[in-house]
Structure formats: structure tokens, C-alpha cells
Amino acid sequence: MLNATYRGAMKRKNLIVVGIAVVLLLTGCSAGSSSNSSSSSQDSGVAGSAQAPAGVANGGNSGAAGAGSTAAGALLPDTQVVTTGSIALTADDPAAVADQAVALVETAGGHVDNRTQQSASDRTSARADLVLRVPSANVSQAIDSLKKLATVESVSISATDVTTQVQDVDARITALQTSVNRLLDLMSKATDTADLITLETTLSSRQADLDSLVAQKASITDQVQYSSLTLGISGTRAPATVAPSDFWSGLGIGWASVVAALSGALVVLGVALPWIVILGVIALIVIVIVRFASRKSRRENASTEA
């Protein structure tokens, strides 16, 4: 009976030990897998972290590259240049040369802003003056072609960089446009009459400034796109001298010569008058001194004889 009881107790003890061992074994396996998974997670996290800085570095490099290219673009904007010039020519027939110049400029894509002509007269030679607008890309070629039309007296070309001015106008236009839009938004929400009047007054002022800047930008753009060339063409023929044909024309020429002679005499008199006055004063002083010396000498001679 005791042996049976002892054997039963040993079996229960062995079962308990085996159960504890199984529990410990399962706990160890679970801890190992958790540790492995945790380690894997940490490794993945570390790897991800390692890749993240690389990505950040790549992004930073690309951002830096983008910033660099933006900075380069800011340092090297599109240059805005206004080119102007003047050309003086001499020709036998200025009007014909002017017609050729107009045709040449229109062929180059330009146009004529102004044109004046005068025919030859008794006192003046024929002349033609033009203000030509030529596309800036073709201005050099146009100048070379114009120089071939007649005898060149003078040529002058100047270029003015207006890039900074254009950028300033663009910035002011953007700021004013933003301000106008904001004022319009405020007006749409305003309910008080006094506020509406104030907003309308401010809006009118800002809109006027904006319109002025837009017109200024358009003018600068036109000057940049089209160069201005002033062309002056003088005639080479001297004005003909017309002989008097009757009494009255001869009288007119004679009277003109008398007037010219009198004018010349008056000019000579005007030049000589200051010298005449100075010389007269000097002569007067000399005469006074001579007379005074003569009187003194006479008195001395008279006293000696007495």
C-alpha cells in the first residue's frame, strides 16, 4: 500500500517536473523568437535609419543642386538691352535714298516711326530725316545695309542695359497687383459705407499706379525688342544762285546787300567801341599832362626873364 502510494507520488512529481520543464522550454523558445524578431525589427529600423540619412543626403544634394541652379539663374537673368544709333549720309537725291532705307527696314521686319523731307531751295540743300525701328536681332545687319545706300558721314551706336530696371518694374507690378486683388476682396466683404469709400479711394490710387507701371513695362519691352535708328540724309548739291530778272528783284538784292553791309559795319563798330573809349581816355590824360607841363615851363621862363 505504501509502495503504491509512493509510486503514485513519484509519478505526480515527475509529471510536475516534466510540466515545468515543458513550460520553461516553451518560454525560452518564445523569448528567443521575440528576441530574434525584436532584433530583426531593430536591424530593419537601423537599416531604414541608415537609408533615411542617405535619402536625406541625396535629397539635400538635389535640393542644393536645385538651389544652386536657381541661384545661377538669379545671377544670370535674361539681359535686357536697349540699342539706339544715328547714321548721317550724304547723297545726290536724299528722297530716293530715304525710300530705299524704308524698304530695307520693312524687309528686316521693322517700321518707320517718323519721316521728314525738305526739297532744295535757293539757300538750302535737299534733306531727309527718318526715325527707324528695327528688330534688335537684325540691327547690325540693318546698319550695314543702310551704310551702303550713300556716302557715310558718321555712325554712332549705343547700348544700355535695362535688366535691373525691368526686374524692378516687374516686382512693383507684382506687389501692386497683389494689393489690388486684396483690396477687391476686402470691398466684396465690406458692409460699412465709410469703409467702402476708403477702399475705393485706395483702390483707385493703386490701380492708377499699376496701370502706369504696366505702360512703363510695355514701353521698355518695345525699346528692347526694336532698336531706334535716326537716319539723316543730306543733299550734296549746292543751292543754285538765281540772278535778278527785273528791276524789283535787283532792288531787293541791292537792299539786302546794303543791310548786310550795315550789319557788318555795326558789328565792327561794336567790336572797336571799347578800344576807342579806352584809347580816348589815355589820349585825354596825355594831353592834360602835356598842357600842364607846357604851362609850367612858360611860367618858369617868364619868371626868369623878369
Protein backbone atom coordinates (compact mmCIF):
# COMPACT_ATOMS: atom_id res chain seq x y z
CA MET A 1 0.00 0.00 0.00
CA LEU A 2 2.81 2.31 0.92
CA ASN A 3 4.71 1.33 -2.22
CA ALA A 4 1.70 2.10 -4.36
CA THR A 5 1.24 5.43 -2.62
CA TYR A 6 4.95 6.21 -3.02
CA ARG A 7 4.89 5.26 -6.71
CA GLY A 8 1.82 7.48 -7.27
CA ALA A 9 3.54 10.37 -5.54
CA MET A 10 6.67 9.88 -7.64
CA LYS A 11 4.62 9.82 -10.84
CA ARG A 12 2.86 13.06 -9.90
CA LYS A 13 6.23 14.61 -9.00
CA ASN A 14 7.71 13.52 -12.31
CA LEU A 15 4.71 14.87 -14.18
CA ILE A 16 5.06 18.20 -12.37
CA VAL A 17 8.78 18.36 -13.19
CA VAL A 18 8.14 17.48 -16.82
CA GLY A 19 5.37 20.08 -16.98
CA ILE A 20 7.65 22.73 -15.51
CA ALA A 21 10.40 21.76 -17.94
CA VAL A 22 7.98 21.99 -20.89
CA VAL A 23 6.76 25.38 -19.69
CA LEU A 24 10.33 26.62 -19.30
CA LEU A 25 11.23 25.25 -22.72
CA LEU A 26 8.25 26.94 -24.36
CA THR A 27 9.03 30.20 -22.54
CA GLY A 28 12.62 30.06 -23.73
CA CYS A 29 11.58 29.45 -27.31
CA SER A 30 9.07 32.28 -27.16
CA ALA A 31 11.66 34.62 -25.69
CA GLY A 32 14.15 33.60 -28.36
CA SER A 33 11.72 34.24 -31.17
CA SER A 34 10.73 37.56 -29.61
CA SER A 35 14.36 38.47 -29.25
CA ASN A 36 15.03 37.49 -32.84
CA SER A 37 12.03 39.37 -34.12
CA SER A 38 12.95 42.36 -31.98
CA SER A 39 16.49 42.15 -33.20
CA SER A 40 15.26 41.89 -36.76
CA SER A 41 12.99 44.84 -36.21
CA GLN A 42 15.84 46.82 -34.73
CA ASP A 43 18.09 45.82 -37.59
CA SER A 44 15.42 46.82 -40.05
CA GLY A 45 14.93 50.06 -38.19
CA VAL A 46 18.65 50.72 -38.16
CA ALA A 47 18.88 49.86 -41.83
CA GLY A 48 15.94 52.10 -42.55
CA SER A 49 17.57 54.81 -40.49
CA ALA A 50 20.80 54.29 -42.35
CA GLN A 51 18.95 54.52 -45.64
CA ALA A 52 16.99 57.54 -44.47
CA PRO A 53 20.02 59.77 -43.98
CA ALA A 54 21.25 58.64 -47.35
CA GLY A 55 17.92 59.62 -48.82
CA VAL A 56 18.03 62.86 -46.92
CA ALA A 57 21.56 63.39 -48.13
CA ASN A 58 20.50 62.66 -51.68
CA GLY A 59 17.52 64.93 -51.28
CA GLY A 60 19.77 67.55 -49.74
CA ASN A 61 22.18 67.25 -52.60
CA SER A 62 19.41 67.51 -55.15
CA GLY A 63 17.93 70.39 -53.18
CA ALA A 64 21.33 72.04 -53.07
CA ALA A 65 21.73 71.42 -56.76
CA GLY A 66 18.31 72.92 -57.38
CA ALA A 67 19.17 75.88 -55.19
CA GLY A 68 22.45 76.22 -57.00
CA SER A 69 20.75 76.23 -60.37
CA THR A 70 18.18 78.70 -59.06
CA ALA A 71 20.96 80.91 -57.76
CA ALA A 72 22.74 80.64 -61.07
CA GLY A 73 19.52 81.60 -62.80
CA ALA A 74 19.20 84.57 -60.47
CA LEU A 75 22.77 85.65 -61.15
CA LEU A 76 22.41 85.23 -64.91
CA PRO A 77 18.99 86.63 -65.85
CA ASP A 78 17.94 87.36 -69.40
CA THR A 79 19.79 90.51 -70.30
CA GLN A 80 17.56 93.37 -71.43
CA VAL A 81 19.43 95.84 -73.67
CA VAL A 82 18.12 98.97 -75.40
CA THR A 83 20.10 99.77 -78.56
CA THR A 84 19.99 103.18 -80.22
CA GLY A 85 22.01 104.67 -83.05
CA SER A 86 22.34 107.50 -85.53
CA ILE A 87 23.62 107.48 -89.10
CA ALA A 88 24.46 110.51 -91.24
CA LEU A 89 24.60 110.05 -95.02
CA THR A 90 25.21 112.32 -97.99
CA ALA A 91 23.51 111.68 -101.32
CA ASP A 92 22.58 113.47 -104.53
CA ASP A 93 18.91 112.54 -104.04
CA PRO A 94 18.05 112.26 -100.31
CA ALA A 95 14.40 111.40 -101.03
CA ALA A 96 15.32 108.38 -103.16
CA VAL A 97 17.78 107.16 -100.53
CA ALA A 98 15.09 107.60 -97.86
CA ASP A 99 12.71 105.41 -99.89
CA GLN A 100 15.39 102.73 -100.15
CA ALA A 101 16.02 102.92 -96.40
CA VAL A 102 12.31 102.47 -95.65
CA ALA A 103 12.08 99.44 -97.93
CA LEU A 104 15.19 97.95 -96.35
CA VAL A 105 13.87 98.39 -92.81
CA GLU A 106 10.45 96.95 -93.65
CA THR A 107 12.13 93.93 -95.22
CA ALA A 108 14.05 93.42 -91.96
CA GLY A 109 10.76 93.38 -90.02
CA GLY A 110 10.91 96.97 -88.81
CA HIS A 111 8.91 100.12 -89.43
CA VAL A 112 9.23 103.91 -89.70
CA ASP A 113 8.29 105.99 -86.64
CA ASN A 114 8.89 109.40 -88.21
CA ARG A 115 9.92 110.86 -91.57
CA THR A 116 10.54 114.45 -92.67
CA GLN A 117 11.79 115.73 -96.03
CA GLN A 118 12.63 119.11 -97.50
CA SER A 119 13.33 119.95 -101.10
CA ALA A 120 16.25 122.01 -102.29
CA SER A 121 15.74 125.78 -102.35
CA ASP A 122 17.80 128.84 -103.21
CA ARG A 123 19.50 128.76 -99.83
CA THR A 124 19.25 125.17 -98.60
CA SER A 125 20.02 121.72 -99.95
CA ALA A 126 17.57 118.83 -100.03
CA ARG A 127 17.38 116.74 -96.87
CA ALA A 128 15.53 113.76 -95.39
CA ASP A 129 15.37 112.65 -91.75
CA LEU A 130 13.92 109.34 -90.56
CA VAL A 131 13.44 107.54 -87.24
CA LEU A 132 13.60 103.81 -87.96
CA ARG A 133 12.63 100.94 -85.64
CA VAL A 134 14.47 97.72 -86.39
CA PRO A 135 14.20 94.36 -84.56
CA SER A 136 17.14 94.15 -82.17
CA ALA A 137 18.23 90.83 -83.62
CA ASN A 138 18.64 92.43 -87.06
CA VAL A 139 20.02 95.84 -86.09
CA SER A 140 23.66 95.13 -87.03
CA GLN A 141 22.67 93.81 -90.44
CA ALA A 142 20.35 96.77 -90.99
CA ILE A 143 23.08 99.28 -90.13
CA ASP A 144 25.49 97.64 -92.56
CA SER A 145 22.86 97.77 -95.29
CA LEU A 146 22.00 101.42 -94.61
CA LYS A 147 25.67 102.41 -94.81
CA LYS A 148 25.77 101.07 -98.38
CA LEU A 149 22.99 103.36 -99.61
CA ALA A 150 25.08 106.56 -99.79
CA THR A 151 28.26 108.25 -98.59
CA VAL A 152 28.67 107.76 -94.83
CA GLU A 153 29.43 110.90 -92.83
CA SER A 154 29.11 109.47 -89.31
CA VAL A 155 27.76 106.45 -87.41
CA SER A 156 27.17 106.12 -83.68
CA ILE A 157 25.67 103.18 -81.78
CA SER A 158 24.95 102.88 -78.06
CA ALA A 159 23.58 100.04 -75.91
CA THR A 160 22.02 100.48 -72.47
CA ASP A 161 21.45 97.55 -70.10
CA VAL A 162 17.98 97.91 -68.53
CA THR A 163 17.81 94.46 -66.89
CA THR A 164 17.72 95.89 -63.36
CA GLN A 165 15.06 98.40 -64.34
CA VAL A 166 12.89 95.66 -65.87
CA GLN A 167 13.23 93.49 -62.76
CA ASP A 168 12.31 96.43 -60.53
CA VAL A 169 9.23 97.23 -62.61
CA ASP A 170 8.17 93.56 -62.62
CA ALA A 171 8.49 93.37 -58.83
CA ARG A 172 6.47 96.56 -58.35
CA ILE A 173 3.79 95.32 -60.76
CA THR A 174 3.50 92.05 -58.84
CA ALA A 175 3.25 93.86 -55.50
CA LEU A 176 0.63 96.31 -56.77
CA GLN A 177 -1.40 93.55 -58.42
CA THR A 178 -1.43 91.65 -55.12
CA SER A 179 -2.52 94.81 -53.31
CA VAL A 180 -5.29 95.46 -55.84
CA ASN A 181 -6.58 91.90 -55.51
CA ARG A 182 -6.57 92.21 -51.72
CA LEU A 183 -8.49 95.48 -51.87
CA LEU A 184 -11.05 93.95 -54.22
CA ASP A 185 -11.50 91.07 -51.79
CA LEU A 186 -11.97 93.49 -48.89
CA MET A 187 -14.50 95.50 -50.88
CA SER A 188 -16.53 92.38 -51.59
CA LYS A 189 -16.74 91.72 -47.84
CA ALA A 190 -17.17 95.29 -46.59
CA THR A 191 -20.60 96.31 -45.28
CA ASP A 192 -19.91 99.81 -43.97
CA THR A 193 -20.25 102.73 -46.41
CA ALA A 194 -17.27 104.61 -44.98
CA ASP A 195 -15.09 101.54 -45.36
CA LEU A 196 -16.24 101.11 -48.96
CA ILE A 197 -15.39 104.73 -49.79
CA THR A 198 -11.93 104.40 -48.23
CA LEU A 199 -11.29 101.14 -50.05
CA GLU A 200 -12.45 102.58 -53.38
CA THR A 201 -10.16 105.61 -52.98
CA THR A 202 -7.19 103.42 -52.14
CA LEU A 203 -8.04 101.03 -54.96
CA SER A 204 -8.20 103.87 -57.50
CA SER A 205 -4.76 105.09 -56.45
CA ARG A 206 -3.23 101.61 -56.57
CA GLN A 207 -4.88 100.83 -59.91
CA ALA A 208 -3.53 104.07 -61.40
CA ASP A 209 -0.02 103.21 -60.20
CA LEU A 210 -0.39 99.71 -61.59
CA ASP A 211 -1.55 100.97 -65.00
CA SER A 212 1.38 103.39 -65.11
CA LEU A 213 3.87 100.61 -64.36
CA VAL A 214 2.28 98.32 -66.94
CA ALA A 215 2.60 101.07 -69.56
CA GLN A 216 6.20 101.67 -68.50
CA LYS A 217 6.96 97.95 -68.82
CA ALA A 218 5.37 97.88 -72.28
CA SER A 219 7.46 100.88 -73.36
CA ILE A 220 10.70 99.28 -72.13
CA THR A 221 9.79 95.99 -73.79
CA ASP A 222 9.17 97.81 -77.08
CA GLN A 223 12.52 99.59 -76.82
CA VAL A 224 14.29 96.30 -76.11
CA GLN A 225 12.61 94.45 -78.97
CA TYR A 226 13.00 97.26 -81.53
CA SER A 227 16.17 99.35 -81.76
CA SER A 228 15.80 103.02 -82.72
CA LEU A 229 17.96 104.34 -85.56
CA THR A 230 17.98 108.02 -86.52
CA LEU A 231 18.92 108.41 -90.19
CA GLY A 232 19.84 111.82 -91.60
CA ILE A 233 20.42 112.19 -95.36
CA SER A 234 21.83 115.46 -96.69
CA GLY A 235 21.97 116.55 -100.32
CA THR A 236 25.35 117.09 -101.97
CA ARG A 237 24.25 119.72 -104.49
CA ALA A 238 24.90 123.35 -103.54
CA PRO A 239 21.90 125.65 -103.83
CA ALA A 240 21.75 127.40 -107.17
CA THR A 241 22.35 131.15 -107.29
CA VAL A 242 19.49 132.93 -109.04
CA ALA A 243 20.37 136.18 -110.88
CA PRO A 244 17.90 139.10 -110.70
CA SER A 245 15.45 139.05 -113.58
CA ASP A 246 13.93 142.56 -113.27
CA PHE A 247 14.27 145.94 -111.55
CA TRP A 248 12.46 144.94 -108.39
CA SER A 249 14.43 141.74 -107.88
CA GLY A 250 17.65 143.73 -108.47
CA LEU A 251 16.47 146.36 -106.00
CA GLY A 252 15.75 143.66 -103.47
CA ILE A 253 19.21 142.16 -103.88
CA GLY A 254 20.80 145.64 -103.62
CA TRP A 255 18.83 146.45 -100.49
CA ALA A 256 19.81 143.11 -98.98
CA SER A 257 23.46 143.88 -99.69
CA VAL A 258 23.13 147.34 -98.07
CA VAL A 259 21.54 145.79 -94.98
CA ALA A 260 24.29 143.18 -94.88
CA ALA A 261 26.97 145.88 -95.18
CA LEU A 262 25.38 147.98 -92.42
CA SER A 263 25.10 144.90 -90.23
CA GLY A 264 28.77 144.18 -90.81
CA ALA A 265 29.71 147.80 -90.03
CA LEU A 266 27.71 147.70 -86.81
CA VAL A 267 29.47 144.50 -85.82
CA VAL A 268 32.87 146.11 -86.46
CA LEU A 269 31.81 149.22 -84.52
CA GLY A 270 30.64 147.09 -81.63
CA VAL A 271 33.98 145.32 -81.51
CA ALA A 272 36.03 148.55 -81.83
CA LEU A 273 33.99 150.79 -79.50
CA PRO A 274 35.51 149.56 -76.20
CA TRP A 275 39.02 150.09 -77.62
CA ILE A 276 38.09 153.56 -78.90
CA VAL A 277 36.87 154.57 -75.44
CA ILE A 278 40.00 153.26 -73.73
CA LEU A 279 42.33 154.91 -76.25
CA GLY A 280 40.38 158.21 -75.94
CA VAL A 281 40.78 158.22 -72.16
CA ILE A 282 44.51 157.56 -72.49
CA ALA A 283 44.86 160.33 -75.10
CA LEU A 284 42.98 162.77 -72.87
CA ILE A 285 45.30 162.04 -69.95
CA VAL A 286 48.36 162.54 -72.15
CA ILE A 287 47.03 165.87 -73.47
CA VAL A 288 46.34 167.12 -69.94
CA ILE A 289 49.84 166.20 -68.80
CA VAL A 290 51.45 167.84 -71.84
CA ARG A 291 49.48 171.07 -71.37
CA PHE A 292 50.26 171.18 -67.69
CA ALA A 293 53.97 170.72 -68.42
CA SER A 294 53.87 173.44 -71.11
CA ARG A 295 52.22 175.96 -68.82
CA LYS A 296 54.71 175.24 -66.07
CA SER A 297 57.60 175.71 -68.49
CA ARG A 298 56.20 179.04 -69.69
CA ARG A 299 55.80 180.32 -66.18
CA GLU A 300 59.36 179.42 -65.34
CA ASN A 301 60.64 181.16 -68.48
CA ALA A 302 58.59 184.26 -67.70
CA SER A 303 59.91 184.48 -64.16
CA THR A 304 63.49 184.10 -65.39
CA GLU A 305 63.15 186.93 -67.92
CA ALA A 306 61.67 189.18 -65.29
